Amino acid sequence: MAEDLRWHVEAKTLFLQGELDRETLIGLWQQREKVMQSIEMIDVSGLQRVDSAGLALLVHLRQIAQQQGARPLFSGVTDKLHSLITLYNLQQIIVSADNPV
């Protein structure tokens, strides 16, 4: 059974925890516009699992922030998530604060 996705905002950072996949992302999807207001960093260190649907949501969250004038970075990118980002050739889109391009 999938672990729920949880999130909170603190000091212009969106913290994601749990699993970000097609089963768990609905709540965040429904609140995405509100959640992304003033976000400059998306911390994914608390995610245990991300699938391709979750990765697509991360790309979309970044796009929302860009439309609001921000260029958010991602922090806490795990090796597994980095591999998924590379597999989909998204290194220029999902930019890690730890290894900016």
PDB file of N, CA and C in Angstrom:
ATOM      1  N   MET A   1       0.830  -1.185   0.000  1.00  0.00           N
ATOM      2  CA  MET A   1       0.000   0.000   0.000  1.00  0.00           C
ATOM      3  C   MET A   1       0.875   1.249   0.000  1.00  0.00           C
ATOM      4  N   ALA A   2       0.484   2.222  -0.809  1.00  0.00           N
ATOM      5  CA  ALA A   2       1.275   3.448  -0.948  1.00  0.00           C
ATOM      6  C   ALA A   2       1.162   4.305   0.312  1.00  0.00           C
ATOM      7  N   GLU A   3       2.264   4.908   0.666  1.00  0.00           N
ATOM      8  CA  GLU A   3       2.269   5.866   1.773  1.00  0.00           C
ATOM      9  C   GLU A   3       1.716   7.178   1.243  1.00  0.00           C
ATOM     10  N   ASP A   4       0.931   7.848   2.040  1.00  0.00           N
ATOM     11  CA  ASP A   4       0.340   9.109   1.621  1.00  0.00           C
ATOM     12  C   ASP A   4       1.412  10.153   1.335  1.00  0.00           C
ATOM     13  N   LEU A   5       1.054  11.105   0.497  1.00  0.00           N
ATOM     14  CA  LEU A   5       1.883  12.266   0.232  1.00  0.00           C
ATOM     15  C   LEU A   5       1.475  13.359   1.209  1.00  0.00           C
ATOM     16  N   ARG A   6       2.464  13.946   1.858  1.00  0.00           N
ATOM     17  CA  ARG A   6       2.231  15.070   2.760  1.00  0.00           C
ATOM     18  C   ARG A   6       3.097  16.233   2.294  1.00  0.00           C
ATOM     19  N   TRP A   7       2.649  17.443   2.573  1.00  0.00           N
ATOM     20  CA  TRP A   7       3.441  18.614   2.218  1.00  0.00           C
ATOM     21  C   TRP A   7       3.125  19.757   3.162  1.00  0.00           C
ATOM     22  N   HIS A   8       4.092  20.645   3.286  1.00  0.00           N
ATOM     23  CA  HIS A   8       3.886  21.887   4.021  1.00  0.00           C
ATOM     24  C   HIS A   8       4.839  22.930   3.451  1.00  0.00           C
ATOM     25  N   VAL A   9       4.485  24.186   3.686  1.00  0.00           N
ATOM     26  CA  VAL A   9       5.284  25.311   3.196  1.00  0.00           C
ATOM     27  C   VAL A   9       5.861  26.031   4.391  1.00  0.00           C
ATOM     28  N   GLU A  10       7.157  26.324   4.283  1.00  0.00           N
ATOM     29  CA  GLU A  10       7.855  27.044   5.345  1.00  0.00           C
ATOM     30  C   GLU A  10       8.944  27.889   4.698  1.00  0.00           C
ATOM     31  N   ALA A  11       8.921  29.183   4.939  1.00  0.00           N
ATOM     32  CA  ALA A  11       9.953  30.103   4.457  1.00  0.00           C
ATOM     33  C   ALA A  11      10.224  29.947   2.955  1.00  0.00           C
ATOM     34  N   LYS A  12       9.172  30.025   2.151  1.00  0.00           N
ATOM     35  CA  LYS A  12       9.258  29.962   0.688  1.00  0.00           C
ATOM     36  C   LYS A  12       9.767  28.623   0.153  1.00  0.00           C
ATOM     37  N   THR A  13       9.702  27.588   1.000  1.00  0.00           N
ATOM     38  CA  THR A  13      10.101  26.239   0.600  1.00  0.00           C
ATOM     39  C   THR A  13       8.905  25.308   0.741  1.00  0.00           C
ATOM     40  N   LEU A  14       8.668  24.531  -0.313  1.00  0.00           N
ATOM     41  CA  LEU A  14       7.652  23.484  -0.274  1.00  0.00           C
ATOM     42  C   LEU A  14       8.346  22.181   0.096  1.00  0.00           C
ATOM     43  N   PHE A  15       7.948  21.586   1.204  1.00  0.00           N
ATOM     44  CA  PHE A  15       8.505  20.322   1.661  1.00  0.00           C
ATOM     45  C   PHE A  15       7.544  19.197   1.299  1.00  0.00           C
ATOM     46  N   LEU A  16       8.033  18.197   0.579  1.00  0.00           N
ATOM     47  CA  LEU A  16       7.226  17.042   0.192  1.00  0.00           C
ATOM     48  C   LEU A  16       7.722  15.818   0.945  1.00  0.00           C
ATOM     49  N   GLN A  17       6.776  15.003   1.446  1.00  0.00           N
ATOM     50  CA  GLN A  17       7.131  13.804   2.200  1.00  0.00           C
ATOM     51  C   GLN A  17       6.207  12.666   1.817  1.00  0.00           C
ATOM     52  N   GLY A  18       6.737  11.459   1.856  1.00  0.00           N
ATOM     53  CA  GLY A  18       5.948  10.265   1.559  1.00  0.00           C
ATOM     54  C   GLY A  18       6.223   9.767   0.154  1.00  0.00           C
ATOM     55  N   GLU A  19       5.155   9.406  -0.553  1.00  0.00           N
ATOM     56  CA  GLU A  19       5.285   8.906  -1.918  1.00  0.00           C
ATOM     57  C   GLU A  19       4.560   9.839  -2.871  1.00  0.00           C
ATOM     58  N   LEU A  20       5.233  10.181  -3.946  1.00  0.00           N
ATOM     59  CA  LEU A  20       4.663  11.042  -4.981  1.00  0.00           C
ATOM     60  C   LEU A  20       4.459  10.186  -6.221  1.00  0.00           C
ATOM     61  N   ASP A  21       3.261   9.651  -6.345  1.00  0.00           N
ATOM     62  CA  ASP A  21       2.953   8.809  -7.499  1.00  0.00           C
ATOM     63  C   ASP A  21       1.509   9.031  -7.923  1.00  0.00           C
ATOM     64  N   ARG A  22       1.092   8.324  -8.939  1.00  0.00           N
ATOM     65  CA  ARG A  22      -0.242   8.558  -9.502  1.00  0.00           C
ATOM     66  C   ARG A  22      -1.353   8.269  -8.496  1.00  0.00           C
ATOM     67  N   GLU A  23      -1.062   7.472  -7.488  1.00  0.00           N
ATOM     68  CA  GLU A  23      -2.054   7.138  -6.465  1.00  0.00           C
ATOM     69  C   GLU A  23      -2.179   8.223  -5.386  1.00  0.00           C
ATOM     70  N   THR A  24      -1.122   9.000  -5.170  1.00  0.00           N
ATOM     71  CA  THR A  24      -1.086   9.905  -4.020  1.00  0.00           C
ATOM     72  C   THR A  24      -1.081  11.389  -4.378  1.00  0.00           C
ATOM     73  N   LEU A  25      -0.924  11.742  -5.637  1.00  0.00           N
ATOM     74  CA  LEU A  25      -0.708  13.147  -5.982  1.00  0.00           C
ATOM     75  C   LEU A  25      -1.972  13.985  -6.134  1.00  0.00           C
ATOM     76  N   ILE A  26      -3.133  13.389  -6.064  1.00  0.00           N
ATOM     77  CA  ILE A  26      -4.389  14.102  -6.311  1.00  0.00           C
ATOM     78  C   ILE A  26      -4.573  15.327  -5.400  1.00  0.00           C
ATOM     79  N   GLY A  27      -4.339  15.167  -4.102  1.00  0.00           N
ATOM     80  CA  GLY A  27      -4.521  16.281  -3.174  1.00  0.00           C
ATOM     81  C   GLY A  27      -3.640  17.470  -3.512  1.00  0.00           C
ATOM     82  N   LEU A  28      -2.379  17.213  -3.800  1.00  0.00           N
ATOM     83  CA  LEU A  28      -1.461  18.295  -4.161  1.00  0.00           C
ATOM     84  C   LEU A  28      -1.858  18.894  -5.505  1.00  0.00           C
ATOM     85  N   TRP A  29      -2.253  18.065  -6.434  1.00  0.00           N
ATOM     86  CA  TRP A  29      -2.693  18.553  -7.746  1.00  0.00           C
ATOM     87  C   TRP A  29      -3.855  19.544  -7.579  1.00  0.00           C
ATOM     88  N   GLN A  30      -4.799  19.209  -6.722  1.00  0.00           N
ATOM     89  CA  GLN A  30      -5.971  20.056  -6.534  1.00  0.00           C
ATOM     90  C   GLN A  30      -5.630  21.390  -5.875  1.00  0.00           C
ATOM     91  N   GLN A  31      -4.546  21.439  -5.112  1.00  0.00           N
ATOM     92  CA  GLN A  31      -4.159  22.658  -4.400  1.00  0.00           C
ATOM     93  C   GLN A  31      -2.915  23.322  -4.976  1.00  0.00           C
ATOM     94  N   ARG A  32      -2.462  22.878  -6.123  1.00  0.00           N
ATOM     95  CA  ARG A  32      -1.164  23.285  -6.671  1.00  0.00           C
ATOM     96  C   ARG A  32      -0.993  24.791  -6.822  1.00  0.00           C
ATOM     97  N   GLU A  33      -1.995  25.500  -7.298  1.00  0.00           N
ATOM     98  CA  GLU A  33      -1.867  26.945  -7.500  1.00  0.00           C
ATOM     99  C   GLU A  33      -1.646  27.663  -6.160  1.00  0.00           C
ATOM    100  N   LYS A  34      -2.434  27.307  -5.177  1.00  0.00           N
ATOM    101  CA  LYS A  34      -2.314  27.919  -3.846  1.00  0.00           C
ATOM    102  C   LYS A  34      -0.987  27.558  -3.190  1.00  0.00           C
ATOM    103  N   VAL A  35      -0.632  26.287  -3.256  1.00  0.00           N
ATOM    104  CA  VAL A  35       0.592  25.797  -2.605  1.00  0.00           C
ATOM    105  C   VAL A  35       1.843  26.468  -3.179  1.00  0.00           C
ATOM    106  N   MET A  36       1.839  26.747  -4.479  1.00  0.00           N
ATOM    107  CA  MET A  36       3.052  27.243  -5.124  1.00  0.00           C
ATOM    108  C   MET A  36       3.252  28.753  -5.030  1.00  0.00           C
ATOM    109  N   GLN A  37       2.370  29.465  -4.360  1.00  0.00           N
ATOM    110  CA  GLN A  37       2.548  30.906  -4.211  1.00  0.00           C
ATOM    111  C   GLN A  37       3.810  31.212  -3.414  1.00  0.00           C
ATOM    112  N   SER A  38       4.699  31.990  -4.007  1.00  0.00           N
ATOM    113  CA  SER A  38       5.943  32.460  -3.379  1.00  0.00           C
ATOM    114  C   SER A  38       6.965  31.361  -3.109  1.00  0.00           C
ATOM    115  N   ILE A  39       6.867  30.214  -3.784  1.00  0.00           N
ATOM    116  CA  ILE A  39       7.816  29.117  -3.555  1.00  0.00           C
ATOM    117  C   ILE A  39       9.089  29.341  -4.365  1.00  0.00           C
ATOM    118  N   GLU A  40      10.232  29.262  -3.678  1.00  0.00           N
ATOM    119  CA  GLU A  40      11.538  29.401  -4.316  1.00  0.00           C
ATOM    120  C   GLU A  40      12.347  28.108  -4.266  1.00  0.00           C
ATOM    121  N   MET A  41      11.933  27.171  -3.407  1.00  0.00           N
ATOM    122  CA  MET A  41      12.643  25.903  -3.253  1.00  0.00           C
ATOM    123  C   MET A  41      11.610  24.791  -3.045  1.00  0.00           C
ATOM    124  N   ILE A  42      11.859  23.651  -3.688  1.00  0.00           N
ATOM    125  CA  ILE A  42      11.022  22.473  -3.482  1.00  0.00           C
ATOM    126  C   ILE A  42      11.919  21.393  -2.889  1.00  0.00           C
ATOM    127  N   ASP A  43      11.679  21.063  -1.640  1.00  0.00           N
ATOM    128  CA  ASP A  43      12.489  20.078  -0.935  1.00  0.00           C
ATOM    129  C   ASP A  43      11.856  18.695  -1.106  1.00  0.00           C
ATOM    130  N   VAL A  44      12.566  17.824  -1.813  1.00  0.00           N
ATOM    131  CA  VAL A  44      12.061  16.471  -2.087  1.00  0.00           C
ATOM    132  C   VAL A  44      12.778  15.412  -1.258  1.00  0.00           C
ATOM    133  N   SER A  45      13.540  15.841  -0.265  1.00  0.00           N
ATOM    134  CA  SER A  45      14.326  14.896   0.533  1.00  0.00           C
ATOM    135  C   SER A  45      13.456  13.927   1.326  1.00  0.00           C
ATOM    136  N   GLY A  46      12.204  14.306   1.598  1.00  0.00           N
ATOM    137  CA  GLY A  46      11.316  13.451   2.368  1.00  0.00           C
ATOM    138  C   GLY A  46      10.508  12.469   1.531  1.00  0.00           C
ATOM    139  N   LEU A  47      10.760  12.443   0.232  1.00  0.00           N
ATOM    140  CA  LEU A  47      10.036  11.514  -0.637  1.00  0.00           C
ATOM    141  C   LEU A  47      10.736  10.159  -0.658  1.00  0.00           C
ATOM    142  N   GLN A  48       9.974   9.111  -0.382  1.00  0.00           N
ATOM    143  CA  GLN A  48      10.524   7.761  -0.449  1.00  0.00           C
ATOM    144  C   GLN A  48      10.421   7.185  -1.861  1.00  0.00           C
ATOM    145  N   ARG A  49       9.446   7.657  -2.625  1.00  0.00           N
ATOM    146  CA  ARG A  49       9.225   7.098  -3.960  1.00  0.00           C
ATOM    147  C   ARG A  49       8.599   8.161  -4.855  1.00  0.00           C
ATOM    148  N   VAL A  50       9.056   8.202  -6.105  1.00  0.00           N
ATOM    149  CA  VAL A  50       8.483   9.079  -7.123  1.00  0.00           C
ATOM    150  C   VAL A  50       8.364   8.253  -8.401  1.00  0.00           C
ATOM    151  N   ASP A  51       7.170   8.258  -9.012  1.00  0.00           N
ATOM    152  CA  ASP A  51       7.023   7.589 -10.299  1.00  0.00           C
ATOM    153  C   ASP A  51       6.930   8.647 -11.400  1.00  0.00           C
ATOM    154  N   SER A  52       6.683   8.224 -12.631  1.00  0.00           N
ATOM    155  CA  SER A  52       6.671   9.173 -13.745  1.00  0.00           C
ATOM    156  C   SER A  52       5.553  10.212 -13.605  1.00  0.00           C
ATOM    157  N   ALA A  53       4.415   9.837 -13.037  1.00  0.00           N
ATOM    158  CA  ALA A  53       3.335  10.804 -12.803  1.00  0.00           C
ATOM    159  C   ALA A  53       3.774  11.842 -11.767  1.00  0.00           C
ATOM    160  N   GLY A  54       4.467  11.395 -10.736  1.00  0.00           N
ATOM    161  CA  GLY A  54       4.991  12.307  -9.727  1.00  0.00           C
ATOM    162  C   GLY A  54       6.030  13.247 -10.315  1.00  0.00           C
ATOM    163  N   LEU A  55       6.870  12.714 -11.179  1.00  0.00           N
ATOM    164  CA  LEU A  55       7.880  13.535 -11.844  1.00  0.00           C
ATOM    165  C   LEU A  55       7.207  14.598 -12.708  1.00  0.00           C
ATOM    166  N   ALA A  56       6.147  14.216 -13.410  1.00  0.00           N
ATOM    167  CA  ALA A  56       5.391  15.169 -14.227  1.00  0.00           C
ATOM    168  C   ALA A  56       4.809  16.275 -13.350  1.00  0.00           C
ATOM    169  N   LEU A  57       4.334  15.921 -12.156  1.00  0.00           N
ATOM    170  CA  LEU A  57       3.804  16.939 -11.252  1.00  0.00           C
ATOM    171  C   LEU A  57       4.908  17.887 -10.800  1.00  0.00           C
ATOM    172  N   LEU A  58       6.096  17.380 -10.520  1.00  0.00           N
ATOM    173  CA  LEU A  58       7.210  18.254 -10.141  1.00  0.00           C
ATOM    174  C   LEU A  58       7.515  19.255 -11.253  1.00  0.00           C
ATOM    175  N   VAL A  59       7.499  18.793 -12.493  1.00  0.00           N
ATOM    176  CA  VAL A  59       7.725  19.682 -13.635  1.00  0.00           C
ATOM    177  C   VAL A  59       6.625  20.746 -13.680  1.00  0.00           C
ATOM    178  N   HIS A  60       5.389  20.330 -13.458  1.00  0.00           N
ATOM    179  CA  HIS A  60       4.263  21.264 -13.491  1.00  0.00           C
ATOM    180  C   HIS A  60       4.350  22.278 -12.345  1.00  0.00           C
ATOM    181  N   LEU A  61       4.735  21.835 -11.156  1.00  0.00           N
ATOM    182  CA  LEU A  61       4.890  22.759 -10.030  1.00  0.00           C
ATOM    183  C   LEU A  61       5.933  23.821 -10.343  1.00  0.00           C
ATOM    184  N   ARG A  62       7.007  23.400 -10.966  1.00  0.00           N
ATOM    185  CA  ARG A  62       8.042  24.358 -11.365  1.00  0.00           C
ATOM    186  C   ARG A  62       7.479  25.363 -12.358  1.00  0.00           C
ATOM    187  N   GLN A  63       6.686  24.884 -13.300  1.00  0.00           N
ATOM    188  CA  GLN A  63       6.086  25.758 -14.301  1.00  0.00           C
ATOM    189  C   GLN A  63       5.153  26.787 -13.647  1.00  0.00           C
ATOM    190  N   ILE A  64       4.373  26.362 -12.679  1.00  0.00           N
ATOM    191  CA  ILE A  64       3.492  27.291 -11.961  1.00  0.00           C
ATOM    192  C   ILE A  64       4.321  28.380 -11.282  1.00  0.00           C
ATOM    193  N   ALA A  65       5.389  27.977 -10.612  1.00  0.00           N
ATOM    194  CA  ALA A  65       6.252  28.945  -9.932  1.00  0.00           C
ATOM    195  C   ALA A  65       6.862  29.920 -10.942  1.00  0.00           C
ATOM    196  N   GLN A  66       7.268  29.412 -12.086  1.00  0.00           N
ATOM    197  CA  GLN A  66       7.836  30.288 -13.108  1.00  0.00           C
ATOM    198  C   GLN A  66       6.810  31.302 -13.598  1.00  0.00           C
ATOM    199  N   GLN A  67       5.576  30.884 -13.748  1.00  0.00           N
ATOM    200  CA  GLN A  67       4.523  31.802 -14.168  1.00  0.00           C
ATOM    201  C   GLN A  67       4.301  32.898 -13.133  1.00  0.00           C
ATOM    202  N   GLN A  68       4.661  32.622 -11.894  1.00  0.00           N
ATOM    203  CA  GLN A  68       4.537  33.606 -10.816  1.00  0.00           C
ATOM    204  C   GLN A  68       5.830  34.407 -10.640  1.00  0.00           C
ATOM    205  N   GLY A  69       6.805  34.183 -11.521  1.00  0.00           N
ATOM    206  CA  GLY A  69       8.042  34.956 -11.494  1.00  0.00           C
ATOM    207  C   GLY A  69       9.189  34.335 -10.720  1.00  0.00           C
ATOM    208  N   ALA A  70       9.041  33.112 -10.236  1.00  0.00           N
ATOM    209  CA  ALA A  70      10.105  32.441  -9.477  1.00  0.00           C
ATOM    210  C   ALA A  70      10.820  31.420 -10.362  1.00  0.00           C
ATOM    211  N   ARG A  71      11.998  31.045  -9.978  1.00  0.00           N
ATOM    212  CA  ARG A  71      12.764  29.983 -10.639  1.00  0.00           C
ATOM    213  C   ARG A  71      13.188  28.995  -9.562  1.00  0.00           C
ATOM    214  N   PRO A  72      12.257  28.160  -9.138  1.00  0.00           N
ATOM    215  CA  PRO A  72      12.548  27.296  -7.987  1.00  0.00           C
ATOM    216  C   PRO A  72      13.607  26.234  -8.285  1.00  0.00           C
ATOM    217  N   LEU A  73      14.402  25.970  -7.265  1.00  0.00           N
ATOM    218  CA  LEU A  73      15.361  24.874  -7.306  1.00  0.00           C
ATOM    219  C   LEU A  73      14.788  23.726  -6.482  1.00  0.00           C
ATOM    220  N   PHE A  74      15.356  22.564  -6.664  1.00  0.00           N
ATOM    221  CA  PHE A  74      14.944  21.374  -5.919  1.00  0.00           C
ATOM    222  C   PHE A  74      16.073  20.992  -4.974  1.00  0.00           C
ATOM    223  N   SER A  75      15.741  20.719  -3.729  1.00  0.00           N
ATOM    224  CA  SER A  75      16.762  20.276  -2.776  1.00  0.00           C
ATOM    225  C   SER A  75      16.429  18.865  -2.312  1.00  0.00           C
ATOM    226  N   GLY A  76      17.473  18.144  -1.915  1.00  0.00           N
ATOM    227  CA  GLY A  76      17.293  16.795  -1.394  1.00  0.00           C
ATOM    228  C   GLY A  76      17.001  15.749  -2.452  1.00  0.00           C
ATOM    229  N   VAL A  77      17.459  15.976  -3.678  1.00  0.00           N
ATOM    230  CA  VAL A  77      17.216  15.020  -4.766  1.00  0.00           C
ATOM    231  C   VAL A  77      18.027  13.754  -4.495  1.00  0.00           C
ATOM    232  N   THR A  78      17.339  12.641  -4.343  1.00  0.00           N
ATOM    233  CA  THR A  78      17.996  11.357  -4.077  1.00  0.00           C
ATOM    234  C   THR A  78      18.596  10.793  -5.366  1.00  0.00           C
ATOM    235  N   ASP A  79      19.449   9.794  -5.218  1.00  0.00           N
ATOM    236  CA  ASP A  79      20.033   9.142  -6.393  1.00  0.00           C
ATOM    237  C   ASP A  79      18.953   8.528  -7.282  1.00  0.00           C
ATOM    238  N   LYS A  80      17.937   7.928  -6.664  1.00  0.00           N
ATOM    239  CA  LYS A  80      16.846   7.323  -7.443  1.00  0.00           C
ATOM    240  C   LYS A  80      16.094   8.376  -8.245  1.00  0.00           C
ATOM    241  N   LEU A  81      15.763   9.495  -7.598  1.00  0.00           N
ATOM    242  CA  LEU A  81      15.053  10.557  -8.309  1.00  0.00           C
ATOM    243  C   LEU A  81      15.949  11.161  -9.381  1.00  0.00           C
ATOM    244  N   HIS A  82      17.216  11.326  -9.072  1.00  0.00           N
ATOM    245  CA  HIS A  82      18.146  11.852 -10.065  1.00  0.00           C
ATOM    246  C   HIS A  82      18.184  10.931 -11.292  1.00  0.00           C
ATOM    247  N   SER A  83      18.168   9.633 -11.071  1.00  0.00           N
ATOM    248  CA  SER A  83      18.159   8.677 -12.184  1.00  0.00           C
ATOM    249  C   SER A  83      16.904   8.832 -13.034  1.00  0.00           C
ATOM    250  N   LEU A  84      15.761   9.031 -12.390  1.00  0.00           N
ATOM    251  CA  LEU A  84      14.510   9.229 -13.115  1.00  0.00           C
ATOM    252  C   LEU A  84      14.542  10.536 -13.910  1.00  0.00           C
ATOM    253  N   ILE A  85      15.067  11.579 -13.297  1.00  0.00           N
ATOM    254  CA  ILE A  85      15.208  12.872 -13.980  1.00  0.00           C
ATOM    255  C   ILE A  85      16.087  12.712 -15.219  1.00  0.00           C
ATOM    256  N   THR A  86      17.191  11.994 -15.078  1.00  0.00           N
ATOM    257  CA  THR A  86      18.109  11.761 -16.192  1.00  0.00           C
ATOM    258  C   THR A  86      17.455  10.903 -17.262  1.00  0.00           C
ATOM    259  N   LEU A  87      16.726   9.880 -16.861  1.00  0.00           N
ATOM    260  CA  LEU A  87      16.046   9.002 -17.807  1.00  0.00           C
ATOM    261  C   LEU A  87      15.108   9.790 -18.718  1.00  0.00           C
ATOM    262  N   TYR A  88      14.421  10.772 -18.158  1.00  0.00           N
ATOM    263  CA  TYR A  88      13.492  11.598 -18.927  1.00  0.00           C
ATOM    264  C   TYR A  88      14.148  12.872 -19.476  1.00  0.00           C
ATOM    265  N   ASN A  89      15.456  13.000 -19.300  1.00  0.00           N
ATOM    266  CA  ASN A  89      16.223  14.134 -19.813  1.00  0.00           C
ATOM    267  C   ASN A  89      15.675  15.476 -19.306  1.00  0.00           C
ATOM    268  N   LEU A  90      15.439  15.544 -18.007  1.00  0.00           N
ATOM    269  CA  LEU A  90      14.857  16.735 -17.393  1.00  0.00           C
ATOM    270  C   LEU A  90      15.853  17.504 -16.516  1.00  0.00           C
ATOM    271  N   GLN A  91      17.141  17.286 -16.709  1.00  0.00           N
ATOM    272  CA  GLN A  91      18.148  17.926 -15.866  1.00  0.00           C
ATOM    273  C   GLN A  91      18.114  19.455 -15.976  1.00  0.00           C
ATOM    274  N   GLN A  92      17.691  19.986 -17.131  1.00  0.00           N
ATOM    275  CA  GLN A  92      17.626  21.433 -17.304  1.00  0.00           C
ATOM    276  C   GLN A  92      16.355  22.018 -16.689  1.00  0.00           C
ATOM    277  N   ILE A  93      15.385  21.164 -16.384  1.00  0.00           N
ATOM    278  CA  ILE A  93      14.100  21.605 -15.845  1.00  0.00           C
ATOM    279  C   ILE A  93      14.047  21.425 -14.330  1.00  0.00           C
ATOM    280  N   ILE A  94      14.397  20.230 -13.880  1.00  0.00           N
ATOM    281  CA  ILE A  94      14.422  19.957 -12.438  1.00  0.00           C
ATOM    282  C   ILE A  94      15.869  20.122 -11.986  1.00  0.00           C
ATOM    283  N   VAL A  95      16.178  21.348 -11.604  1.00  0.00           N
ATOM    284  CA  VAL A  95      17.551  21.714 -11.271  1.00  0.00           C
ATOM    285  C   VAL A  95      17.752  21.581  -9.754  1.00  0.00           C
ATOM    286  N   SER A  96      18.743  20.794  -9.398  1.00  0.00           N
ATOM    287  CA  SER A  96      19.046  20.557  -7.991  1.00  0.00           C
ATOM    288  C   SER A  96      19.831  21.731  -7.405  1.00  0.00           C
ATOM    289  N   ALA A  97      19.431  22.154  -6.227  1.00  0.00           N
ATOM    290  CA  ALA A  97      20.170  23.201  -5.521  1.00  0.00           C
ATOM    291  C   ALA A  97      21.568  22.711  -5.152  1.00  0.00           C
ATOM    292  N   ASP A  98      21.712  21.386  -5.020  1.00  0.00           N
ATOM    293  CA  ASP A  98      22.990  20.795  -4.657  1.00  0.00           C
ATOM    294  C   ASP A  98      23.945  20.747  -5.837  1.00  0.00           C
ATOM    295  N   ASN A  99      23.393  20.610  -7.052  1.00  0.00           N
ATOM    296  CA  ASN A  99      24.196  20.548  -8.276  1.00  0.00           C
ATOM    297  C   ASN A  99      23.568  21.405  -9.361  1.00  0.00           C
ATOM    298  N   PRO A 100      23.522  22.734  -9.201  1.00  0.00           N
ATOM    299  CA  PRO A 100      22.894  23.561 -10.208  1.00  0.00           C
ATOM    300  C   PRO A 100      23.624  23.460 -11.546  1.00  0.00           C
ATOM    301  N   VAL A 101      22.840  23.535 -12.615  1.00  0.00           N
ATOM    302  CA  VAL A 101      23.407  23.423 -13.967  1.00  0.00           C
ATOM    303  C   VAL A 101      24.037  24.728 -14.376  1.00  0.00           C
TER     304      VAL A 101
END
